[in-house]
Amino acid sequence: NCNPCGVVAGGTALRNRDSGTIHVAGIPAGATVGRAVLVWGILTDGTDPSHSITLAGHPVSADLSATPSGNLCWGDTGTLGLAADVTSLVSGNGDYVVSDPPRGITRADDDPSGTLPYTDGATLVVFYVGGGSHAQVLSDFTYDTDTDADARIDRHFTGINSVGAAASLILAGPDGQSNFGETFSITGATTVTETDTWNGSDPQTGPSFSIGNLWDTDRYDVSAALPAGRTTLDVGHEKTEDCIGLGAAVLSVEQTPAG
């Protein structure tokens, strides 16, 4: 969490792939990386998969969190969400290759079915300072699915310093598809409802799947929910159709009023 600072994020889908490229853009000139976090998610086959992955040619082990949760409806017995501090490997804007994900098979076609375990994707979240950045950024890298005992995903942000300026929310995680629906309810002073946006929109190596690439790194405008003086924001999702997980929730609240 930081203030003043800024945040950008990029992701890649990895189902049945041995690598993918994350594109990081939007860090302004003169800014420096304050911290970078890599999150990724694995569908398991009953055994504990490796907690490691490779970023920019360097092995990375989950050192921030490694949290199990419910399955994602692909014959998996459960899932694992992981997060690692990768600040030393991230210098700024550019392309970062993620490779060697835990996987049962590598395929280069457009069929998402394969052999468990599946690593559905990875997202790189980069916090920067300087370069004119003037936001408060709050982050939560815990992991949860909508198929566990409560069939819900919830995130709660407190200590927000809203001055009534622009605010955005980054959500990242596995298994959104275009052929099933979901709703995120983002509640502050009012509720912003995002419906059927979790559709596997992150790019992947090789052809895309017809149902979407099973990993999302999405950014939502939540300014309407955070008028001046608002100090809390809740993010909620209850399973109705799609089996999904959430591995990163990052809130950015500008500290300079518009105009």
Protein backbone atom coordinates (compact mmCIF):
# COMPACT_ATOMS: atom_id res chain seq x y z
CA ASN A 1 0.00 0.00 0.00
CA CYS A 2 1.39 3.41 -0.89
CA ASN A 3 0.50 7.11 -1.14
CA PRO A 4 1.44 8.95 -3.32
CA CYS A 5 2.17 6.40 -6.01
CA GLY A 6 0.61 4.70 -9.02
CA VAL A 7 -0.07 1.19 -10.27
CA VAL A 8 -0.23 -0.69 -13.58
CA ALA A 9 -0.84 -4.36 -14.30
CA GLY A 10 -0.62 -6.82 -17.17
CA GLY A 11 -1.38 -10.50 -17.53
CA THR A 12 -0.95 -13.57 -19.68
CA ALA A 13 -2.96 -16.77 -19.99
CA LEU A 14 -0.98 -20.01 -19.56
CA ARG A 15 -3.42 -22.96 -19.87
CA ASN A 16 -1.60 -25.78 -21.74
CA ARG A 17 1.27 -23.39 -22.51
CA ASP A 18 4.88 -23.44 -21.36
CA SER A 19 5.27 -19.65 -21.46
CA GLY A 20 3.51 -16.35 -21.98
CA THR A 21 4.41 -12.67 -22.24
CA ILE A 22 3.15 -9.98 -19.88
CA HIS A 23 3.13 -6.48 -21.35
CA VAL A 24 3.62 -3.69 -18.79
CA ALA A 25 2.75 -0.17 -19.94
CA GLY A 26 1.67 3.14 -18.47
CA ILE A 27 4.48 3.87 -16.02
CA PRO A 28 5.21 7.57 -16.63
CA ALA A 29 8.60 8.99 -17.51
CA GLY A 30 10.63 9.77 -14.41
CA ALA A 31 8.87 7.18 -12.24
CA THR A 32 10.65 4.25 -10.63
CA VAL A 33 9.38 0.84 -9.59
CA GLY A 34 8.56 0.78 -5.90
CA ARG A 35 7.36 -2.81 -5.76
CA ALA A 36 6.25 -5.53 -8.17
CA VAL A 37 4.13 -8.56 -7.37
CA LEU A 38 3.51 -11.60 -9.58
CA VAL A 39 0.33 -13.63 -9.00
CA TRP A 40 -0.57 -16.93 -10.68
CA GLY A 41 -3.16 -19.67 -10.24
CA ILE A 42 -3.06 -23.47 -10.56
CA LEU A 43 -5.83 -26.06 -10.91
CA THR A 44 -4.64 -29.15 -9.04
CA ASP A 45 -5.09 -32.90 -9.51
CA GLY A 46 -4.96 -33.88 -5.83
CA THR A 47 -1.22 -33.39 -5.38
CA ASP A 48 0.52 -30.21 -4.25
CA PRO A 49 2.06 -28.60 -7.36
CA SER A 50 5.31 -26.70 -7.43
CA HIS A 51 5.06 -23.25 -5.86
CA SER A 52 7.60 -21.89 -8.34
CA ILE A 53 7.48 -20.29 -11.76
CA THR A 54 10.00 -18.39 -13.92
CA LEU A 55 9.88 -14.66 -14.63
CA ALA A 56 12.32 -13.03 -17.07
CA GLY A 57 14.54 -16.11 -16.91
CA HIS A 58 14.71 -16.19 -13.11
CA PRO A 59 13.04 -18.85 -10.92
CA VAL A 60 10.47 -17.30 -8.58
CA SER A 61 8.94 -18.96 -5.51
CA ALA A 62 5.71 -17.82 -3.88
CA ASP A 63 6.86 -15.80 -0.88
CA LEU A 64 3.80 -13.62 -0.22
CA SER A 65 1.00 -16.19 -0.28
CA ALA A 66 0.11 -19.71 -1.40
CA THR A 67 -3.57 -20.22 -0.68
CA PRO A 68 -5.76 -23.22 -1.59
CA SER A 69 -9.45 -22.82 -2.45
CA GLY A 70 -12.25 -24.56 -4.33
CA ASN A 71 -12.11 -26.14 -7.76
CA LEU A 72 -12.81 -24.41 -11.08
CA CYS A 73 -14.99 -27.10 -12.66
CA TRP A 74 -12.42 -28.67 -14.99
CA GLY A 75 -12.17 -32.00 -13.19
CA ASP A 76 -9.70 -30.45 -10.75
CA THR A 77 -9.84 -31.29 -7.06
CA GLY A 78 -9.07 -27.71 -6.00
CA THR A 79 -6.97 -24.68 -6.86
CA LEU A 80 -3.98 -22.82 -5.53
CA GLY A 81 -3.40 -19.06 -5.76
CA LEU A 82 0.18 -17.82 -5.38
CA ALA A 83 1.93 -14.47 -5.09
CA ALA A 84 5.59 -13.45 -5.08
CA ASP A 85 7.56 -10.24 -4.63
CA VAL A 86 9.47 -9.81 -7.91
CA THR A 87 10.60 -6.20 -7.49
CA SER A 88 14.22 -7.05 -8.28
CA LEU A 89 13.22 -8.42 -11.71
CA VAL A 90 11.04 -5.53 -12.91
CA SER A 91 12.60 -2.28 -14.14
CA GLY A 92 9.61 -0.52 -15.71
CA ASN A 93 7.55 -0.68 -18.90
CA GLY A 94 8.24 -3.57 -21.24
CA ASP A 95 7.60 -7.24 -21.91
CA TYR A 96 8.21 -9.87 -19.23
CA VAL A 97 8.17 -13.57 -20.12
CA VAL A 98 6.61 -16.00 -17.65
CA SER A 99 7.71 -19.59 -18.25
CA ASP A 100 7.84 -23.08 -16.70
CA PRO A 101 4.38 -22.95 -15.10
CA PRO A 102 3.27 -26.14 -13.34
CA ARG A 103 1.37 -28.03 -16.05
CA GLY A 104 0.42 -31.46 -17.20
CA ILE A 105 0.82 -30.92 -20.94
CA THR A 106 1.91 -28.25 -23.41
CA ARG A 107 -0.32 -27.69 -26.44
CA ALA A 108 -0.19 -25.07 -29.18
CA ASP A 109 -3.77 -25.47 -30.39
CA ASP A 110 -7.10 -23.86 -29.50
CA ASP A 111 -8.38 -26.58 -27.13
CA PRO A 112 -8.34 -25.68 -23.41
CA SER A 113 -8.69 -29.33 -22.36
CA GLY A 114 -5.51 -31.19 -21.54
CA THR A 115 -3.91 -32.84 -18.53
CA LEU A 116 -3.96 -31.50 -14.97
CA PRO A 117 -2.42 -29.58 -13.31
CA TYR A 118 -3.35 -26.44 -15.22
CA THR A 119 -1.73 -23.06 -14.59
CA ASP A 120 -4.42 -20.75 -15.94
CA GLY A 121 -2.33 -17.57 -16.04
CA ALA A 122 -0.24 -14.93 -14.32
CA THR A 123 -0.50 -11.19 -13.65
CA LEU A 124 2.25 -8.72 -12.87
CA VAL A 125 1.23 -5.76 -10.70
CA VAL A 126 3.73 -2.88 -10.64
CA PHE A 127 3.59 -0.06 -8.10
CA TYR A 128 5.57 3.02 -9.08
CA VAL A 129 6.61 6.27 -7.41
CA GLY A 130 7.51 9.62 -8.93
CA GLY A 131 6.79 10.76 -12.46
CA GLY A 132 3.87 12.84 -11.25
CA SER A 133 2.10 9.94 -9.55
CA HIS A 134 -0.40 11.13 -6.95
CA ALA A 135 -2.70 8.24 -6.01
CA GLN A 136 -3.34 6.20 -2.93
CA VAL A 137 -3.00 2.51 -3.82
CA LEU A 138 -4.36 -0.31 -1.65
CA SER A 139 -3.80 -3.96 -2.57
CA ASP A 140 -4.98 -7.42 -1.53
CA PHE A 141 -3.23 -10.52 -2.89
CA THR A 142 -5.20 -13.19 -1.05
CA TYR A 143 -6.85 -15.85 -3.20
CA ASP A 144 -10.38 -17.25 -3.20
CA THR A 145 -12.82 -19.04 -5.52
CA ASP A 146 -16.60 -19.00 -5.76
CA THR A 147 -16.80 -22.78 -5.35
CA ASP A 148 -15.62 -23.10 -1.75
CA ALA A 149 -17.99 -23.57 1.20
CA ASP A 150 -19.50 -20.07 1.07
CA ALA A 151 -19.64 -19.89 -2.76
CA ARG A 152 -18.53 -16.25 -2.53
CA ILE A 153 -15.56 -13.99 -3.14
CA ASP A 154 -15.26 -10.89 -0.97
CA ARG A 155 -12.66 -8.14 -0.64
CA HIS A 156 -12.80 -5.22 1.78
CA PHE A 157 -10.78 -2.00 1.51
CA THR A 158 -10.59 0.34 4.51
CA GLY A 159 -8.60 3.49 5.24
CA ILE A 160 -9.37 5.00 1.84
CA ASN A 161 -8.64 8.69 1.48
CA SER A 162 -11.06 9.73 -1.25
CA VAL A 163 -11.11 13.36 -2.37
CA GLY A 164 -13.78 12.75 -5.00
CA ALA A 165 -11.33 12.25 -7.86
CA ALA A 166 -10.92 9.30 -10.23
CA ALA A 167 -10.68 5.81 -8.77
CA SER A 168 -10.06 2.44 -10.42
CA LEU A 169 -9.99 -1.19 -9.36
CA ILE A 170 -7.81 -3.91 -10.88
CA LEU A 171 -9.04 -7.50 -10.50
CA ALA A 172 -7.03 -10.50 -11.69
CA GLY A 173 -7.53 -14.23 -11.56
CA PRO A 174 -8.58 -17.48 -13.23
CA ASP A 175 -11.17 -19.05 -15.14
CA GLY A 176 -13.51 -16.50 -16.67
CA GLN A 177 -15.19 -17.63 -19.88
CA SER A 178 -17.28 -15.96 -22.54
CA ASN A 179 -19.90 -18.72 -22.46
CA PHE A 180 -20.74 -18.31 -18.75
CA GLY A 181 -21.67 -15.20 -16.81
CA GLU A 182 -20.71 -13.59 -13.51
CA THR A 183 -21.27 -10.36 -11.62
CA PHE A 184 -18.95 -8.31 -9.43
CA SER A 185 -20.66 -5.84 -7.09
CA ILE A 186 -18.36 -2.98 -6.07
CA THR A 187 -19.95 -1.08 -3.20
CA GLY A 188 -19.02 2.22 -1.59
CA ALA A 189 -21.41 5.14 -1.38
CA THR A 190 -23.19 3.46 -4.30
CA THR A 191 -22.82 0.12 -6.05
CA VAL A 192 -20.99 -0.30 -9.36
CA THR A 193 -22.09 -3.58 -10.98
CA GLU A 194 -19.82 -5.28 -13.52
CA THR A 195 -21.58 -8.11 -15.36
CA ASP A 196 -20.08 -10.68 -17.75
CA THR A 197 -16.69 -8.95 -17.95
CA TRP A 198 -14.67 -11.90 -16.61
CA ASN A 199 -14.29 -13.61 -19.99
CA GLY A 200 -10.69 -14.79 -20.26
CA SER A 201 -9.49 -11.67 -22.02
CA ASP A 202 -5.75 -11.87 -21.33
CA PRO A 203 -3.58 -12.84 -24.33
CA GLN A 204 -1.73 -16.12 -24.64
CA THR A 205 0.93 -17.71 -26.80
CA GLY A 206 -0.66 -19.50 -29.75
CA PRO A 207 -4.30 -19.40 -30.81
CA SER A 208 -6.93 -18.14 -28.39
CA PHE A 209 -9.61 -20.46 -27.04
CA SER A 210 -13.12 -19.93 -28.39
CA ILE A 211 -14.44 -19.60 -24.81
CA GLY A 212 -11.72 -17.12 -23.78
CA ASN A 213 -8.24 -17.72 -22.45
CA LEU A 214 -9.26 -18.46 -18.84
CA TRP A 215 -7.32 -15.59 -17.21
CA ASP A 216 -8.32 -11.95 -16.70
CA THR A 217 -6.49 -8.80 -15.65
CA ASP A 218 -9.28 -6.22 -15.76
CA ARG A 219 -9.49 -2.59 -14.65
CA TYR A 220 -12.80 -0.98 -13.65
CA ASP A 221 -13.78 2.64 -13.08
CA VAL A 222 -15.14 2.84 -9.51
CA SER A 223 -15.13 6.63 -9.17
CA ALA A 224 -18.91 6.74 -8.64
CA ALA A 225 -18.60 4.56 -5.53
CA LEU A 226 -15.95 6.77 -3.90
CA PRO A 227 -17.15 10.37 -3.46
CA ALA A 228 -15.08 12.70 -1.29
CA GLY A 229 -14.86 11.44 2.27
CA ARG A 230 -15.65 7.81 1.54
CA THR A 231 -13.27 5.53 3.48
CA THR A 232 -14.38 1.97 2.57
CA LEU A 233 -15.06 -0.13 -0.53
CA ASP A 234 -16.35 -3.71 -0.74
CA VAL A 235 -15.98 -6.09 -3.67
CA GLY A 236 -18.36 -9.04 -3.79
CA HIS A 237 -19.16 -11.93 -6.11
CA GLU A 238 -21.56 -14.81 -5.56
CA LYS A 239 -21.48 -17.88 -7.82
CA THR A 240 -24.37 -18.07 -10.25
CA GLU A 241 -22.87 -19.59 -13.42
CA ASP A 242 -19.11 -19.35 -13.92
CA CYS A 243 -16.55 -21.00 -11.65
CA ILE A 244 -13.92 -18.29 -11.10
CA GLY A 245 -11.14 -17.29 -8.75
CA LEU A 246 -9.65 -13.97 -7.67
CA GLY A 247 -5.95 -13.56 -6.90
CA ALA A 248 -5.41 -9.80 -6.92
CA ALA A 249 -7.55 -6.79 -6.05
CA VAL A 250 -5.81 -3.41 -6.32
CA LEU A 251 -7.55 -0.09 -5.69
CA SER A 252 -6.12 3.21 -6.98
CA VAL A 253 -7.64 6.47 -5.69
CA GLU A 254 -6.37 9.75 -7.13
CA GLN A 255 -5.49 12.35 -4.53
CA THR A 256 -5.80 15.45 -6.73
CA PRO A 257 -9.40 16.59 -7.31
CA ALA A 258 -10.44 16.90 -10.94
CA GLY A 259 -10.22 20.43 -12.29
